Protein backbone atom coordinates (compact mmCIF):
# COMPACT_ATOMS: atom_id res chain seq x y z
CA MET A 1 22.70 -174.39 -129.72
CA LYS A 2 25.32 -173.67 -126.92
CA ILE A 3 22.53 -170.79 -125.46
CA LEU A 4 19.81 -173.40 -125.75
CA VAL A 5 21.84 -175.98 -123.73
CA GLY A 6 22.66 -173.53 -121.15
CA SER A 7 18.90 -172.53 -120.76
CA LEU A 8 17.91 -175.96 -120.58
CA LEU A 9 19.97 -176.47 -117.61
CA VAL A 10 19.01 -173.60 -116.03
CA LEU A 11 15.33 -174.44 -116.41
CA SER A 12 15.96 -177.81 -115.04
CA LEU A 13 17.60 -176.65 -112.16
CA ALA A 14 15.03 -173.97 -111.03
CA LEU A 15 12.77 -176.90 -111.36
CA ASN A 16 14.65 -179.07 -109.30
CA ILE A 17 14.94 -176.47 -106.25
CA PHE A 18 11.51 -175.47 -106.64
CA LEU A 19 10.08 -179.25 -106.21
CA ILE A 20 12.67 -180.05 -103.48
CA ASN A 21 11.76 -177.11 -101.27
CA ARG A 22 7.81 -178.05 -101.76
CA LEU A 23 8.22 -181.84 -100.98
CA SER A 24 10.53 -180.51 -97.94
CA LYS A 25 8.07 -178.52 -96.60
CA GLN A 26 5.13 -181.17 -97.24
CA GLY A 27 7.16 -183.69 -95.24
CA LYS A 28 7.80 -181.59 -92.21
CA GLU A 29 3.98 -180.87 -92.43
CA LEU A 30 2.92 -184.37 -92.65
CA THR A 31 5.27 -185.11 -89.55
CA ALA A 32 3.75 -182.70 -87.62
CA ALA A 33 0.19 -184.09 -88.46
CA GLN A 34 1.04 -187.96 -87.51
CA ALA A 35 2.37 -186.45 -84.19
CA SER A 36 -1.24 -184.70 -83.94
CA ALA A 37 -2.82 -187.84 -84.96
CA SER A 38 -1.04 -189.72 -82.12
CA GLU A 39 -1.92 -187.02 -79.64
CA ILE A 40 -5.79 -187.84 -80.70
CA ASP A 41 -5.46 -191.53 -79.82
CA GLU A 42 -4.22 -190.78 -76.60
CA VAL A 43 -6.95 -188.28 -75.75
CA ARG A 44 -9.39 -190.71 -77.18
CA ARG A 45 -8.13 -193.53 -74.63
CA GLN A 46 -8.42 -191.15 -71.61
CA ASN A 47 -11.61 -189.97 -72.57
CA GLN A 48 -12.53 -193.79 -72.58
CA GLU A 49 -11.08 -194.16 -69.08
CA LEU A 50 -12.88 -191.20 -67.63
CA PRO A 51 -16.28 -192.87 -66.96
CA VAL A 52 -14.49 -195.81 -64.71
CA ASN A 53 -12.61 -192.99 -62.84
CA GLN A 54 -16.07 -191.34 -61.93
CA THR A 55 -17.64 -194.54 -61.03
CA SER A 56 -14.81 -195.27 -58.60
CA ALA A 57 -14.57 -191.81 -57.36
CA PRO A 58 -17.93 -190.00 -57.15
CA ASP A 59 -16.43 -187.33 -55.16
CA SER A 60 -14.68 -186.04 -57.72
CA ALA A 61 -17.32 -185.86 -60.11
CA GLY A 62 -17.01 -182.20 -60.52
CA ALA A 63 -13.40 -182.08 -61.16
CA SER A 64 -14.24 -184.99 -63.98
CA ALA A 65 -16.87 -182.78 -65.49
CA LEU A 66 -14.12 -180.06 -65.82
CA GLU A 67 -11.53 -182.17 -66.82
CA LEU A 68 -14.24 -184.02 -69.51
CA ALA A 69 -15.30 -180.62 -70.83
CA ARG A 70 -11.29 -179.60 -71.26
CA LEU A 71 -11.04 -183.00 -72.94
CA ARG A 72 -13.86 -182.53 -75.52
CA ASN A 73 -12.23 -179.20 -76.47
CA GLU A 74 -8.90 -180.95 -76.98
CA VAL A 75 -10.65 -183.37 -79.12
CA GLY A 76 -12.16 -180.86 -81.20
CA ARG A 77 -9.01 -179.09 -81.85
CA LEU A 78 -6.97 -182.71 -82.59
CA ARG A 79 -9.91 -183.55 -85.04
CA THR A 80 -9.21 -180.16 -86.91
CA GLN A 81 -5.43 -181.49 -87.09
CA ALA A 82 -6.24 -184.57 -88.20
CA GLY A 83 -8.07 -183.17 -91.12
CA GLU A 84 -5.34 -181.14 -91.63
CA ALA A 85 -3.27 -184.35 -91.55
CA ALA A 86 -5.46 -186.01 -94.20
CA ARG A 87 -4.93 -182.98 -96.45
CA LEU A 88 -0.99 -183.38 -96.22
CA ARG A 89 -1.32 -186.99 -96.94
CA ALA A 90 -2.86 -185.81 -100.24
CA GLN A 91 -0.24 -183.51 -100.74
CA ALA A 92 2.21 -186.18 -100.31
CA ALA A 93 0.55 -188.23 -102.75
CA GLU A 94 0.88 -185.13 -105.04
CA GLY A 95 4.64 -184.86 -104.13
CA ALA A 96 5.17 -188.61 -105.70
CA GLN A 97 3.56 -187.72 -108.59
CA LEU A 98 5.78 -184.31 -108.93
CA ARG A 99 8.78 -186.93 -108.38
CA ALA A 100 7.71 -188.94 -111.21
CA TRP A 101 7.14 -186.01 -113.03
CA LEU A 102 10.66 -184.55 -112.75
CA ALA A 103 12.29 -188.12 -113.14
CA THR A 104 10.45 -188.08 -116.69
CA ALA A 105 11.54 -184.36 -117.14
CA THR A 106 15.40 -184.81 -116.37
CA GLN A 107 15.33 -187.97 -118.59
CA ASN A 108 14.08 -185.99 -121.52
CA LEU A 109 16.20 -182.83 -120.77
CA ALA A 110 19.38 -185.24 -120.77
CA ARG A 111 17.87 -186.90 -124.15
CA ALA A 112 17.50 -183.44 -125.73
CA GLU A 113 21.00 -182.64 -124.03
CA SER A 114 22.68 -185.49 -125.85
CA GLU A 115 21.04 -184.63 -129.23
CA LEU A 116 22.08 -181.33 -129.15
CA LEU A 117 26.01 -182.22 -128.28
CA THR A 118 25.76 -184.54 -131.03
CA ALA A 119 24.81 -181.81 -133.47
CA LEU A 120 27.30 -179.52 -132.18
CA LYS A 121 29.73 -182.34 -133.00
CA LEU A 122 28.53 -182.62 -136.85
CA SER A 123 30.35 -180.59 -139.33
CA PRO A 124 28.13 -178.21 -141.44
CA SER A 125 27.52 -180.66 -144.41
CA ASP A 126 26.51 -183.37 -142.15
CA LEU A 127 23.84 -181.15 -140.64
CA GLN A 128 22.62 -180.10 -143.94
CA ARG A 129 22.36 -183.85 -144.90
CA GLU A 130 20.14 -184.39 -141.59
CA LYS A 131 18.21 -181.19 -142.54
CA ASP A 132 17.51 -182.62 -146.01
CA GLU A 133 16.63 -185.97 -144.70
CA ALA A 134 14.32 -184.72 -142.34
CA GLN A 135 12.69 -182.48 -144.66
CA SER A 136 12.23 -185.10 -147.02
CA VAL A 137 10.80 -187.63 -144.58
CA ARG A 138 8.07 -185.02 -143.64
CA CYS A 139 7.35 -184.47 -147.41
CA VAL A 140 6.38 -188.38 -147.68
CA ASN A 141 4.16 -188.01 -144.77
CA ASN A 142 2.41 -185.15 -146.49
CA LEU A 143 1.94 -186.95 -149.58
CA LYS A 144 0.22 -189.83 -147.45
CA GLN A 145 -1.98 -187.50 -145.88
CA ILE A 146 -3.07 -186.11 -149.37
CA GLY A 147 -3.44 -189.29 -150.32
CA LEU A 148 -5.87 -190.51 -147.86
CA ALA A 149 -7.81 -187.36 -148.03
CA ALA A 150 -8.12 -187.75 -151.91
CA ARG A 151 -9.27 -191.58 -151.19
CA ILE A 152 -11.87 -190.33 -148.78
CA TRP A 153 -13.11 -187.77 -151.14
CA LEU A 154 -12.95 -190.32 -153.89
CA ASN A 155 -15.31 -192.79 -151.68
CA ASP A 156 -17.79 -189.54 -151.20
CA ASN A 157 -18.02 -188.50 -155.09
CA ASN A 158 -18.66 -191.65 -156.96
CA ASP A 159 -15.29 -193.06 -157.11
CA VAL A 160 -13.88 -190.00 -158.70
CA PHE A 161 -10.74 -188.29 -157.61
CA PRO A 162 -10.89 -184.28 -156.59
CA PRO A 163 -10.22 -181.84 -159.51
CA ASN A 164 -7.47 -180.32 -157.46
CA PHE A 165 -6.28 -179.71 -153.90
CA ILE A 166 -8.32 -177.15 -152.72
CA SER A 167 -11.46 -179.38 -153.53
CA MET A 168 -9.97 -181.46 -150.39
CA SER A 169 -10.21 -178.91 -147.81
CA ASN A 170 -12.97 -180.51 -145.83
CA GLU A 171 -10.86 -183.67 -145.76
CA LEU A 172 -7.19 -182.54 -144.93
CA ALA A 173 -6.65 -181.16 -141.53
CA THR A 174 -4.56 -177.78 -142.49
CA PRO A 175 -3.64 -176.53 -145.64
CA LYS A 176 0.14 -176.62 -144.29
CA ILE A 177 0.23 -180.49 -145.77
CA LEU A 178 0.16 -178.71 -149.44
CA HIS A 179 3.67 -177.28 -148.37
CA CYS A 180 6.80 -179.22 -148.84
CA PRO A 181 9.16 -178.36 -145.89
CA ALA A 182 12.17 -178.10 -148.46
CA ASP A 183 10.08 -175.50 -150.62
CA ALA A 184 11.71 -172.42 -149.69
CA ALA A 185 9.59 -170.40 -152.52
CA SER A 186 6.58 -170.68 -150.72
CA ILE A 187 5.14 -169.72 -147.22
CA PRO A 188 2.83 -172.47 -145.41
CA VAL A 189 -0.32 -170.99 -143.95
CA ALA A 190 -2.64 -172.33 -141.49
CA GLU A 191 -6.00 -171.10 -143.03
CA TRP A 192 -7.44 -172.11 -146.20
CA SER A 193 -8.73 -168.68 -146.88
CA GLN A 194 -5.06 -167.48 -146.93
CA LEU A 195 -4.04 -170.06 -149.35
CA ASN A 196 -2.70 -169.11 -152.80
CA PRO A 197 -2.94 -171.93 -155.26
CA ALA A 198 -0.03 -170.70 -156.73
CA GLU A 199 2.11 -171.26 -153.95
CA ILE A 200 1.18 -175.25 -153.31
CA SER A 201 4.27 -177.13 -153.34
CA TYR A 202 3.32 -180.42 -154.92
CA ARG A 203 1.11 -181.33 -158.15
CA PHE A 204 -2.14 -183.03 -158.74
CA LEU A 205 -1.56 -185.63 -161.36
CA ASN A 206 -4.96 -187.32 -161.73
CA PRO A 207 -7.58 -184.86 -161.51
CA ASN A 208 -11.31 -186.10 -162.11
CA GLY A 209 -9.74 -189.66 -162.44
CA ASN A 210 -10.11 -193.08 -160.77
CA GLU A 211 -8.69 -195.96 -159.23
CA THR A 212 -8.59 -198.28 -162.15
CA ASP A 213 -5.12 -198.32 -162.03
CA PRO A 214 -3.87 -198.21 -158.34
CA SER A 215 -0.20 -197.62 -159.25
CA LYS A 216 -1.02 -194.55 -161.42
CA PRO A 217 0.38 -191.61 -160.15
CA LEU A 218 -1.91 -189.15 -158.03
CA THR A 219 0.62 -186.51 -156.65
CA VAL A 220 3.99 -185.55 -157.15
CA CYS A 221 6.73 -183.19 -155.26
CA PRO A 222 8.72 -181.40 -157.83
CA ILE A 223 11.64 -180.78 -155.28
CA HIS A 224 12.20 -184.35 -153.79
CA GLY A 225 10.54 -186.26 -156.92
CA HIS A 226 8.58 -188.46 -154.30
CA LEU A 227 5.26 -189.99 -156.27
CA GLY A 228 1.89 -190.35 -154.26
CA LEU A 229 0.08 -193.06 -156.14
CA SER A 230 -3.76 -193.39 -156.53
CA ASP A 231 -4.07 -196.14 -154.04
CA GLY A 232 -2.81 -193.93 -151.31
CA SER A 233 0.84 -195.34 -150.80
CA VAL A 234 4.01 -193.14 -151.68
CA GLN A 235 6.99 -194.08 -153.68
CA ARG A 236 9.96 -192.16 -151.94
CA LYS A 237 12.73 -191.33 -154.47
CA GLN A 238 15.95 -192.31 -152.94
């Protein structure tokens, strides 16, 4: 666990450095683009004043034409810079999103570190109790999903429960649900073709039955003693 905490801290530090460098670069580019935008405004102002100067001084028409050509080239260049400025503004918005993401990631990391430090302070017996409780909760959730799948199967099959767990393969998201997390004698599998019925952790108590008695046990976990009832609820053994 100490190694994991250290790895998380190193990862967080590297991420912070990367984001800070990127945001700093974007800030410099945005400042340069803003200066270019100000220059564009000045050129536009000079371009608007040019016809007035030509009217008041016709003898300088040739010089004014050259100046106008120069200014047009300058305006074209600055328009390109203005497009770059727009791109940098978009990057600045992305930077704000990165800052928000970084803040969230930092909070999550702090919470994970706190949980790990708390776990490190627990005695072996306390850790085992925490593990057992977590496995018991997951087992109850498995039985709830099995009960829901059985009722879906019942509604599609003339109000009769399936004969076994395998029959509910279309209603169950994965065969892993049939494995109690506290069952060390079997290995959970991800594919139905890999499932060995003998390694299913739970027992089906109402095969081909009905819901006439909603409180009739439907499934049971032999390890924890939790009961899944025919109405889809689960009675957790304390």
